[in-house]
Amino acid sequence: AHEDAEMIVFDVPLLFETGAHKKVDHVVVVSTTSE
């Protein structure tokens, strides 16, 4: 539905667990300390 967008962002908490990281152009990890 958004194939004409300049960029689409997929917010996927289980990106690595589901293997979805292999299906995107660029993986961004949002991170902070465990605390």
Full PDB file with SEQRES, HELIX, SHEET, SSBOND, CRYST1, ORIGX, SCALE, CONECT and MASTER records, all heavy atoms in Angstrom:
SEQRES   1 A   35  ALA HIS GLU ASP ALA GLU MET ILE VAL PHE ASP VAL PRO          
SEQRES   2 A   35  LEU LEU PHE GLU THR GLY ALA HIS LYS LYS VAL ASP HIS          
SEQRES   3 A   35  VAL VAL VAL VAL SER THR THR SER GLU                          
HELIX    1 AA1 ALA A   20  LYS A   23  5                                   4    
CRYST1    1.000    1.000    1.000  90.00  90.00  90.00 P 1           1          
ORIGX1      1.000000  0.000000  0.000000        0.00000                         
ORIGX2      0.000000  1.000000  0.000000        0.00000                         
ORIGX3      0.000000  0.000000  1.000000        0.00000                         
SCALE1      1.000000  0.000000  0.000000        0.00000                         
SCALE2      0.000000  1.000000  0.000000        0.00000                         
SCALE3      0.000000  0.000000  1.000000        0.00000                         
ATOM      1  N   ALA A   1       0.821  -1.220   0.000  1.00  0.00           N  
ATOM      2  CA  ALA A   1       0.000   0.000   0.000  1.00  0.00           C  
ATOM      3  C   ALA A   1       0.852   1.265   0.000  1.00  0.00           C  
ATOM      4  O   ALA A   1       0.362   2.342  -0.341  1.00  0.00           O  
ATOM      5  CB  ALA A   1      -0.935   0.002   1.210  1.00  0.00           C  
ATOM      6  N   HIS A   2       2.130   1.141   0.372  1.00  0.00           N  
ATOM      7  CA  HIS A   2       3.018   2.312   0.456  1.00  0.00           C  
ATOM      8  C   HIS A   2       4.241   2.164  -0.443  1.00  0.00           C  
ATOM      9  O   HIS A   2       5.296   2.746  -0.189  1.00  0.00           O  
ATOM     10  CB  HIS A   2       3.463   2.520   1.911  1.00  0.00           C  
ATOM     11  CG  HIS A   2       2.349   2.903   2.810  1.00  0.00           C  
ATOM     12  ND1 HIS A   2       1.571   1.969   3.455  1.00  0.00           N  
ATOM     13  CD2 HIS A   2       1.848   4.112   3.150  1.00  0.00           C  
ATOM     14  CE1 HIS A   2       0.648   2.579   4.161  1.00  0.00           C  
ATOM     15  NE2 HIS A   2       0.779   3.874   3.990  1.00  0.00           N  
ATOM     16  N   GLU A   3       4.092   1.394  -1.527  1.00  0.00           N  
ATOM     17  CA  GLU A   3       5.251   1.110  -2.384  1.00  0.00           C  
ATOM     18  C   GLU A   3       5.858   2.356  -3.020  1.00  0.00           C  
ATOM     19  O   GLU A   3       7.015   2.342  -3.424  1.00  0.00           O  
ATOM     20  CB  GLU A   3       4.894   0.064  -3.439  1.00  0.00           C  
ATOM     21  CG  GLU A   3       3.867   0.517  -4.449  1.00  0.00           C  
ATOM     22  CD  GLU A   3       3.469  -0.606  -5.399  1.00  0.00           C  
ATOM     23  OE1 GLU A   3       4.017  -1.720  -5.297  1.00  0.00           O  
ATOM     24  OE2 GLU A   3       2.602  -0.349  -6.245  1.00  0.00           O  
ATOM     25  N   ASP A   4       5.106   3.441  -3.101  1.00  0.00           N  
ATOM     26  CA  ASP A   4       5.641   4.667  -3.688  1.00  0.00           C  
ATOM     27  C   ASP A   4       6.300   5.591  -2.667  1.00  0.00           C  
ATOM     28  O   ASP A   4       6.814   6.654  -3.039  1.00  0.00           O  
ATOM     29  CB  ASP A   4       4.528   5.437  -4.415  1.00  0.00           C  
ATOM     30  CG  ASP A   4       4.025   4.668  -5.640  1.00  0.00           C  
ATOM     31  OD1 ASP A   4       4.797   3.852  -6.201  1.00  0.00           O  
ATOM     32  OD2 ASP A   4       2.851   4.867  -6.016  1.00  0.00           O  
ATOM     33  N   ALA A   5       6.291   5.213  -1.396  1.00  0.00           N  
ATOM     34  CA  ALA A   5       6.889   6.053  -0.354  1.00  0.00           C  
ATOM     35  C   ALA A   5       8.406   6.095  -0.524  1.00  0.00           C  
ATOM     36  O   ALA A   5       9.035   5.126  -0.970  1.00  0.00           O  
ATOM     37  CB  ALA A   5       6.543   5.513   1.029  1.00  0.00           C  
ATOM     38  N   GLU A   6       8.974   7.218  -0.145  1.00  0.00           N  
ATOM     39  CA  GLU A   6      10.433   7.360  -0.189  1.00  0.00           C  
ATOM     40  C   GLU A   6      11.093   6.313   0.704  1.00  0.00           C  
ATOM     41  O   GLU A   6      12.116   5.725   0.351  1.00  0.00           O  
ATOM     42  CB  GLU A   6      10.812   8.765   0.286  1.00  0.00           C  
ATOM     43  CG  GLU A   6      12.308   8.993   0.357  1.00  0.00           C  
ATOM     44  CD  GLU A   6      12.673  10.342   0.963  1.00  0.00           C  
ATOM     45  OE1 GLU A   6      11.818  10.991   1.594  1.00  0.00           O  
ATOM     46  OE2 GLU A   6      13.846  10.723   0.814  1.00  0.00           O  
ATOM     47  N   MET A   7      10.509   6.097   1.848  1.00  0.00           N  
ATOM     48  CA  MET A   7      11.044   5.148   2.815  1.00  0.00           C  
ATOM     49  C   MET A   7       9.884   4.664   3.677  1.00  0.00           C  
ATOM     50  O   MET A   7       8.995   5.438   4.008  1.00  0.00           O  
ATOM     51  CB  MET A   7      12.078   5.865   3.697  1.00  0.00           C  
ATOM     52  CG  MET A   7      12.839   4.994   4.645  1.00  0.00           C  
ATOM     53  SD  MET A   7      13.961   5.954   5.748  1.00  0.00           S  
ATOM     54  CE  MET A   7      14.715   7.148   4.674  1.00  0.00           C  
ATOM     55  N   ILE A   8       9.893   3.378   4.009  1.00  0.00           N  
ATOM     56  CA  ILE A   8       8.909   2.817   4.927  1.00  0.00           C  
ATOM     57  C   ILE A   8       9.676   2.325   6.141  1.00  0.00           C  
ATOM     58  O   ILE A   8      10.728   1.688   6.006  1.00  0.00           O  
ATOM     59  CB  ILE A   8       8.148   1.626   4.304  1.00  0.00           C  
ATOM     60  CG1 ILE A   8       7.406   2.051   3.047  1.00  0.00           C  
ATOM     61  CG2 ILE A   8       7.181   1.014   5.322  1.00  0.00           C  
ATOM     62  CD1 ILE A   8       6.804   0.881   2.279  1.00  0.00           C  
ATOM     63  N   VAL A   9       9.133   2.595   7.319  1.00  0.00           N  
ATOM     64  CA  VAL A   9       9.762   2.142   8.553  1.00  0.00           C  
ATOM     65  C   VAL A   9       8.903   1.022   9.131  1.00  0.00           C  
ATOM     66  O   VAL A   9       7.696   1.170   9.286  1.00  0.00           O  
ATOM     67  CB  VAL A   9       9.900   3.294   9.575  1.00  0.00           C  
ATOM     68  CG1 VAL A   9      10.478   2.791  10.889  1.00  0.00           C  
ATOM     69  CG2 VAL A   9      10.767   4.413   8.990  1.00  0.00           C  
ATOM     70  N   PHE A  10       9.555  -0.095   9.423  1.00  0.00           N  
ATOM     71  CA  PHE A  10       8.892  -1.220  10.057  1.00  0.00           C  
ATOM     72  C   PHE A  10       9.359  -1.272  11.504  1.00  0.00           C  
ATOM     73  O   PHE A  10      10.542  -1.501  11.767  1.00  0.00           O  
ATOM     74  CB  PHE A  10       9.235  -2.538   9.349  1.00  0.00           C  
ATOM     75  CG  PHE A  10       8.767  -2.583   7.925  1.00  0.00           C  
ATOM     76  CD1 PHE A  10       9.644  -2.346   6.881  1.00  0.00           C  
ATOM     77  CD2 PHE A  10       7.442  -2.854   7.631  1.00  0.00           C  
ATOM     78  CE1 PHE A  10       9.216  -2.381   5.561  1.00  0.00           C  
ATOM     79  CE2 PHE A  10       6.996  -2.888   6.319  1.00  0.00           C  
ATOM     80  CZ  PHE A  10       7.884  -2.649   5.283  1.00  0.00           C  
ATOM     81  N   ASP A  11       8.446  -1.051  12.430  1.00  0.00           N  
ATOM     82  CA  ASP A  11       8.742  -1.104  13.861  1.00  0.00           C  
ATOM     83  C   ASP A  11       8.415  -2.520  14.324  1.00  0.00           C  
ATOM     84  O   ASP A  11       7.252  -2.871  14.509  1.00  0.00           O  
ATOM     85  CB  ASP A  11       7.884  -0.062  14.590  1.00  0.00           C  
ATOM     86  CG  ASP A  11       8.150  -0.010  16.085  1.00  0.00           C  
ATOM     87  OD1 ASP A  11       8.894  -0.871  16.599  1.00  0.00           O  
ATOM     88  OD2 ASP A  11       7.597   0.895  16.740  1.00  0.00           O  
ATOM     89  N   VAL A  12       9.470  -3.331  14.487  1.00  0.00           N  
ATOM     90  CA  VAL A  12       9.292  -4.755  14.758  1.00  0.00           C  
ATOM     91  C   VAL A  12      10.129  -5.157  15.974  1.00  0.00           C  
ATOM     92  O   VAL A  12      11.335  -5.385  15.845  1.00  0.00           O  
ATOM     93  CB  VAL A  12       9.707  -5.611  13.536  1.00  0.00           C  
ATOM     94  CG1 VAL A  12       9.419  -7.088  13.779  1.00  0.00           C  
ATOM     95  CG2 VAL A  12       9.029  -5.123  12.268  1.00  0.00           C  
ATOM     96  N   PRO A  13       9.504  -5.246  17.149  1.00  0.00           N  
ATOM     97  CA  PRO A  13      10.268  -5.637  18.337  1.00  0.00           C  
ATOM     98  C   PRO A  13      10.951  -7.001  18.200  1.00  0.00           C  
ATOM     99  O   PRO A  13      12.037  -7.206  18.732  1.00  0.00           O  
ATOM    100  CB  PRO A  13       9.211  -5.668  19.443  1.00  0.00           C  
ATOM    101  CG  PRO A  13       8.164  -4.721  18.987  1.00  0.00           C  
ATOM    102  CD  PRO A  13       8.129  -4.871  17.488  1.00  0.00           C  
ATOM    103  N   LEU A  14      10.353  -7.936  17.483  1.00  0.00           N  
ATOM    104  CA  LEU A  14      10.934  -9.273  17.317  1.00  0.00           C  
ATOM    105  C   LEU A  14      11.579  -9.436  15.942  1.00  0.00           C  
ATOM    106  O   LEU A  14      11.521 -10.507  15.336  1.00  0.00           O  
ATOM    107  CB  LEU A  14       9.854 -10.343  17.539  1.00  0.00           C  
ATOM    108  CG  LEU A  14       9.220 -10.363  18.926  1.00  0.00           C  
ATOM    109  CD1 LEU A  14       8.111 -11.410  18.998  1.00  0.00           C  
ATOM    110  CD2 LEU A  14      10.252 -10.608  20.008  1.00  0.00           C  
ATOM    111  N   LEU A  15      12.213  -8.394  15.454  1.00  0.00           N  
ATOM    112  CA  LEU A  15      12.812  -8.400  14.121  1.00  0.00           C  
ATOM    113  C   LEU A  15      13.792  -9.563  13.942  1.00  0.00           C  
ATOM    114  O   LEU A  15      13.716 -10.301  12.964  1.00  0.00           O  
ATOM    115  CB  LEU A  15      13.528  -7.071  13.863  1.00  0.00           C  
ATOM    116  CG  LEU A  15      14.076  -6.884  12.460  1.00  0.00           C  
ATOM    117  CD1 LEU A  15      12.944  -6.594  11.492  1.00  0.00           C  
ATOM    118  CD2 LEU A  15      15.092  -5.753  12.425  1.00  0.00           C  
ATOM    119  N   PHE A  16      14.707  -9.710  14.873  1.00  0.00           N  
ATOM    120  CA  PHE A  16      15.724 -10.762  14.751  1.00  0.00           C  
ATOM    121  C   PHE A  16      15.132 -12.132  15.062  1.00  0.00           C  
ATOM    122  O   PHE A  16      15.453 -13.123  14.394  1.00  0.00           O  
ATOM    123  CB  PHE A  16      16.909 -10.470  15.674  1.00  0.00           C  
ATOM    124  CG  PHE A  16      17.712  -9.290  15.223  1.00  0.00           C  
ATOM    125  CD1 PHE A  16      17.510  -8.045  15.789  1.00  0.00           C  
ATOM    126  CD2 PHE A  16      18.656  -9.409  14.217  1.00  0.00           C  
ATOM    127  CE1 PHE A  16      18.239  -6.941  15.363  1.00  0.00           C  
ATOM    128  CE2 PHE A  16      19.389  -8.316  13.778  1.00  0.00           C  
ATOM    129  CZ  PHE A  16      19.175  -7.081  14.347  1.00  0.00           C  
ATOM    130  N   GLU A  17      14.257 -12.200  16.056  1.00  0.00           N  
ATOM    131  CA  GLU A  17      13.667 -13.469  16.466  1.00  0.00           C  
ATOM    132  C   GLU A  17      12.833 -14.105  15.360  1.00  0.00           C  
ATOM    133  O   GLU A  17      12.770 -15.330  15.264  1.00  0.00           O  
ATOM    134  CB  GLU A  17      12.801 -13.272  17.719  1.00  0.00           C  
ATOM    135  CG  GLU A  17      13.584 -12.890  18.964  1.00  0.00           C  
ATOM    136  CD  GLU A  17      13.895 -11.399  19.082  1.00  0.00           C  
ATOM    137  OE1 GLU A  17      13.669 -10.635  18.110  1.00  0.00           O  
ATOM    138  OE2 GLU A  17      14.384 -10.983  20.136  1.00  0.00           O  
ATOM    139  N   THR A  18      12.214 -13.279  14.530  1.00  0.00           N  
ATOM    140  CA  THR A  18      11.359 -13.797  13.445  1.00  0.00           C  
ATOM    141  C   THR A  18      12.093 -13.892  12.111  1.00  0.00           C  
ATOM    142  O   THR A  18      11.514 -14.338  11.122  1.00  0.00           O  
ATOM    143  CB  THR A  18      10.119 -12.896  13.269  1.00  0.00           C  
ATOM    144  OG1 THR A  18      10.546 -11.575  12.939  1.00  0.00           O  
ATOM    145  CG2 THR A  18       9.249 -12.892  14.515  1.00  0.00           C  
ATOM    146  N   GLY A  19      13.344 -13.456  12.059  1.00  0.00           N  
ATOM    147  CA  GLY A  19      14.109 -13.500  10.819  1.00  0.00           C  
ATOM    148  C   GLY A  19      13.778 -12.369   9.859  1.00  0.00           C  
ATOM    149  O   GLY A  19      14.285 -12.322   8.738  1.00  0.00           O  
ATOM    150  N   ALA A  20      12.938 -11.424  10.287  1.00  0.00           N  
ATOM    151  CA  ALA A  20      12.519 -10.334   9.403  1.00  0.00           C  
ATOM    152  C   ALA A  20      13.669  -9.384   9.063  1.00  0.00           C  
ATOM    153  O   ALA A  20      13.590  -8.663   8.070  1.00  0.00           O  
ATOM    154  CB  ALA A  20      11.359  -9.556  10.037  1.00  0.00           C  
ATOM    155  N   HIS A  21      14.742  -9.401   9.848  1.00  0.00           N  
ATOM    156  CA  HIS A  21      15.887  -8.529   9.558  1.00  0.00           C  
ATOM    157  C   HIS A  21      16.519  -8.861   8.203  1.00  0.00           C  
ATOM    158  O   HIS A  21      17.178  -8.014   7.608  1.00  0.00           O  
ATOM    159  CB  HIS A  21      16.937  -8.620  10.677  1.00  0.00           C  
ATOM    160  CG  HIS A  21      17.574  -9.963  10.814  1.00  0.00           C  
ATOM    161  ND1 HIS A  21      16.899 -11.065  11.315  1.00  0.00           N  
ATOM    162  CD2 HIS A  21      18.825 -10.382  10.507  1.00  0.00           C  
ATOM    163  CE1 HIS A  21      17.709 -12.112  11.311  1.00  0.00           C  
ATOM    164  NE2 HIS A  21      18.877 -11.721  10.823  1.00  0.00           N  
ATOM    165  N   LYS A  22      16.283 -10.064   7.707  1.00  0.00           N  
ATOM    166  CA  LYS A  22      16.838 -10.477   6.415  1.00  0.00           C  
ATOM    167  C   LYS A  22      16.035  -9.928   5.237  1.00  0.00           C  
ATOM    168  O   LYS A  22      16.446 -10.055   4.102  1.00  0.00           O  
ATOM    169  CB  LYS A  22      16.874 -12.005   6.336  1.00  0.00           C  
ATOM    170  CG  LYS A  22      17.753 -12.655   7.381  1.00  0.00           C  
ATOM    171  CD  LYS A  22      17.604 -14.157   7.365  1.00  0.00           C  
ATOM    172  CE  LYS A  22      18.341 -14.775   8.537  1.00  0.00           C  
ATOM    173  NZ  LYS A  22      17.986 -16.185   8.711  1.00  0.00           N  
ATOM    174  N   LYS A  23      14.883  -9.323   5.535  1.00  0.00           N  
ATOM    175  CA  LYS A  23      13.975  -8.892   4.474  1.00  0.00           C  
ATOM    176  C   LYS A  23      13.835  -7.373   4.373  1.00  0.00           C  
ATOM    177  O   LYS A  23      12.914  -6.888   3.727  1.00  0.00           O  
ATOM    178  CB  LYS A  23      12.606  -9.534   4.699  1.00  0.00           C  
ATOM    179  CG  LYS A  23      12.642 -11.051   4.582  1.00  0.00           C  
ATOM    180  CD  LYS A  23      11.290 -11.645   4.842  1.00  0.00           C  
ATOM    181  CE  LYS A  23      11.130 -13.090   4.599  1.00  0.00           C  
ATOM    182  NZ  LYS A  23      12.132 -14.024   4.853  1.00  0.00           N  
ATOM    183  N   VAL A  24      14.731  -6.653   5.004  1.00  0.00           N  
ATOM    184  CA  VAL A  24      14.692  -5.190   4.935  1.00  0.00           C  
ATOM    185  C   VAL A  24      16.018  -4.671   4.392  1.00  0.00           C  
ATOM    186  O   VAL A  24      17.031  -5.371   4.420  1.00  0.00           O  
ATOM    187  CB  VAL A  24      14.367  -4.548   6.316  1.00  0.00           C  
ATOM    188  CG1 VAL A  24      12.969  -4.928   6.780  1.00  0.00           C  
ATOM    189  CG2 VAL A  24      15.397  -4.923   7.353  1.00  0.00           C  
ATOM    190  N   ASP A  25      16.002  -3.435   3.909  1.00  0.00           N  
ATOM    191  CA  ASP A  25      17.206  -2.860   3.313  1.00  0.00           C  
ATOM    192  C   ASP A  25      18.202  -2.356   4.346  1.00  0.00           C  
ATOM    193  O   ASP A  25      19.410  -2.341   4.091  1.00  0.00           O  
ATOM    194  CB  ASP A  25      16.824  -1.681   2.403  1.00  0.00           C  
ATOM    195  CG  ASP A  25      15.990  -2.132   1.220  1.00  0.00           C  
ATOM    196  OD1 ASP A  25      16.283  -3.202   0.656  1.00  0.00           O  
ATOM    197  OD2 ASP A  25      15.037  -1.413   0.872  1.00  0.00           O  
ATOM    198  N   HIS A  26      17.679  -1.924   5.505  1.00  0.00           N  
ATOM    199  CA  HIS A  26      18.551  -1.308   6.504  1.00  0.00           C  
ATOM    200  C   HIS A  26      17.965  -1.593   7.878  1.00  0.00           C  
ATOM    201  O   HIS A  26      16.803  -1.276   8.121  1.00  0.00           O  
ATOM    202  CB  HIS A  26      18.627   0.205   6.259  1.00  0.00           C  
ATOM    203  CG  HIS A  26      19.720   0.887   7.015  1.00  0.00           C  
ATOM    204  ND1 HIS A  26      20.965   1.098   6.483  1.00  0.00           N  
ATOM    205  CD2 HIS A  26      19.751   1.398   8.261  1.00  0.00           C  
ATOM    206  CE1 HIS A  26      21.722   1.725   7.371  1.00  0.00           C  
ATOM    207  NE2 HIS A  26      21.004   1.917   8.468  1.00  0.00           N  
ATOM    208  N   VAL A  27      18.755  -2.184   8.761  1.00  0.00           N  
ATOM    209  CA  VAL A  27      18.284  -2.510  10.106  1.00  0.00           C  
ATOM    210  C   VAL A  27      18.754  -1.438  11.079  1.00  0.00           C  
ATOM    211  O   VAL A  27      19.944  -1.173  11.206  1.00  0.00           O  
ATOM    212  CB  VAL A  27      18.802  -3.888  10.572  1.00  0.00           C  
ATOM    213  CG1 VAL A  27      18.414  -4.147  12.029  1.00  0.00           C  
ATOM    214  CG2 VAL A  27      18.270  -4.994   9.665  1.00  0.00           C  
ATOM    215  N   VAL A  28      17.773  -0.833  11.747  1.00  0.00           N  
ATOM    216  CA  VAL A  28      18.046   0.163  12.778  1.00  0.00           C  
ATOM    217  C   VAL A  28      17.629  -0.446  14.109  1.00  0.00           C  
ATOM    218  O   VAL A  28      16.494  -0.884  14.267  1.00  0.00           O  
ATOM    219  CB  VAL A  28      17.251   1.472  12.542  1.00  0.00           C  
ATOM    220  CG1 VAL A  28      17.520   2.480  13.654  1.00  0.00           C  
ATOM    221  CG2 VAL A  28      17.593   2.053  11.184  1.00  0.00           C  
ATOM    222  N   VAL A  29      18.541  -0.484  15.045  1.00  0.00           N  
ATOM    223  CA  VAL A  29      18.225  -0.954  16.390  1.00  0.00           C  
ATOM    224  C   VAL A  29      18.175   0.253  17.302  1.00  0.00           C  
ATOM    225  O   VAL A  29      19.115   1.053  17.344  1.00  0.00           O  
ATOM    226  CB  VAL A  29      19.262  -1.980  16.892  1.00  0.00           C  
ATOM    227  CG1 VAL A  29      19.081  -2.262  18.380  1.00  0.00           C  
ATOM    228  CG2 VAL A  29      19.147  -3.273  16.095  1.00  0.00           C  
ATOM    229  N   VAL A  30      17.059   0.402  17.989  1.00  0.00           N  
ATOM    230  CA  VAL A  30      16.884   1.476  18.960  1.00  0.00           C  
ATOM    231  C   VAL A  30      17.243   0.869  20.300  1.00  0.00           C  
ATOM    232  O   VAL A  30      16.684  -0.148  20.704  1.00  0.00           O  
ATOM    233  CB  VAL A  30      15.424   1.980  18.947  1.00  0.00           C  
ATOM    234  CG1 VAL A  30      15.219   3.040  20.001  1.00  0.00           C  
ATOM    235  CG2 VAL A  30      15.076   2.494  17.568  1.00  0.00           C  
ATOM    236  N   SER A  31      18.192   1.477  20.991  1.00  0.00           N  
ATOM    237  CA  SER A  31      18.736   0.824  22.171  1.00  0.00           C  
ATOM    238  C   SER A  31      18.996   1.804  23.303  1.00  0.00           C  
ATOM    239  O   SER A  31      19.145   3.012  23.090  1.00  0.00           O  
ATOM    240  CB  SER A  31      20.058   0.136  21.768  1.00  0.00           C  
ATOM    241  OG  SER A  31      20.573  -0.622  22.831  1.00  0.00           O  
ATOM    242  N   THR A  32      19.029   1.247  24.486  1.00  0.00           N  
ATOM    243  CA  THR A  32      19.417   1.990  25.681  1.00  0.00           C  
ATOM    244  C   THR A  32      19.991   0.976  26.655  1.00  0.00           C  
ATOM    245  O   THR A  32      20.059  -0.220  26.342  1.00  0.00           O  
ATOM    246  CB  THR A  32      18.215   2.751  26.280  1.00  0.00           C  
ATOM    247  OG1 THR A  32      18.685   3.625  27.312  1.00  0.00           O  
ATOM    248  CG2 THR A  32      17.165   1.805  26.841  1.00  0.00           C  
ATOM    249  N   THR A  33      20.362   1.418  27.822  1.00  0.00           N  
ATOM    250  CA  THR A  33      20.883   0.476  28.811  1.00  0.00           C  
ATOM    251  C   THR A  33      19.759  -0.443  29.279  1.00  0.00           C  
ATOM    252  O   THR A  33      18.578  -0.090  29.200  1.00  0.00           O  
ATOM    253  CB  THR A  33      21.456   1.210  30.032  1.00  0.00           C  
ATOM    254  OG1 THR A  33      20.372   1.887  30.697  1.00  0.00           O  
ATOM    255  CG2 THR A  33      22.538   2.203  29.641  1.00  0.00           C  
ATOM    256  N   SER A  34      20.099  -1.606  29.772  1.00  0.00           N  
ATOM    257  CA  SER A  34      19.070  -2.527  30.263  1.00  0.00           C  
ATOM    258  C   SER A  34      18.316  -1.913  31.434  1.00  0.00           C  
ATOM    259  O   SER A  34      17.109  -2.142  31.594  1.00  0.00           O  
ATOM    260  CB  SER A  34      19.681  -3.873  30.640  1.00  0.00           C  
ATOM    261  OG  SER A  34      20.688  -3.712  31.620  1.00  0.00           O  
ATOM    262  N   GLU A  35      18.996  -1.103  32.231  1.00  0.00           N  
ATOM    263  CA  GLU A  35      18.335  -0.437  33.360  1.00  0.00           C  
ATOM    264  C   GLU A  35      17.273   0.544  32.858  1.00  0.00           C  
ATOM    265  O   GLU A  35      16.157   0.580  33.373  1.00  0.00           O  
ATOM    266  CB  GLU A  35      19.355   0.304  34.241  1.00  0.00           C  
ATOM    267  CG  GLU A  35      20.341  -0.590  34.956  1.00  0.00           C  
ATOM    268  CD  GLU A  35      21.516  -1.041  34.078  1.00  0.00           C  
ATOM    269  OE1 GLU A  35      21.751  -0.451  32.979  1.00  0.00           O  
ATOM    270  OE2 GLU A  35      22.175  -2.017  34.465  1.00  0.00           O  
TER     271      GLU A  35                                                      
MASTER        0    0    0    1    0    0    0    6  270    1    0    3          
END                                                                             
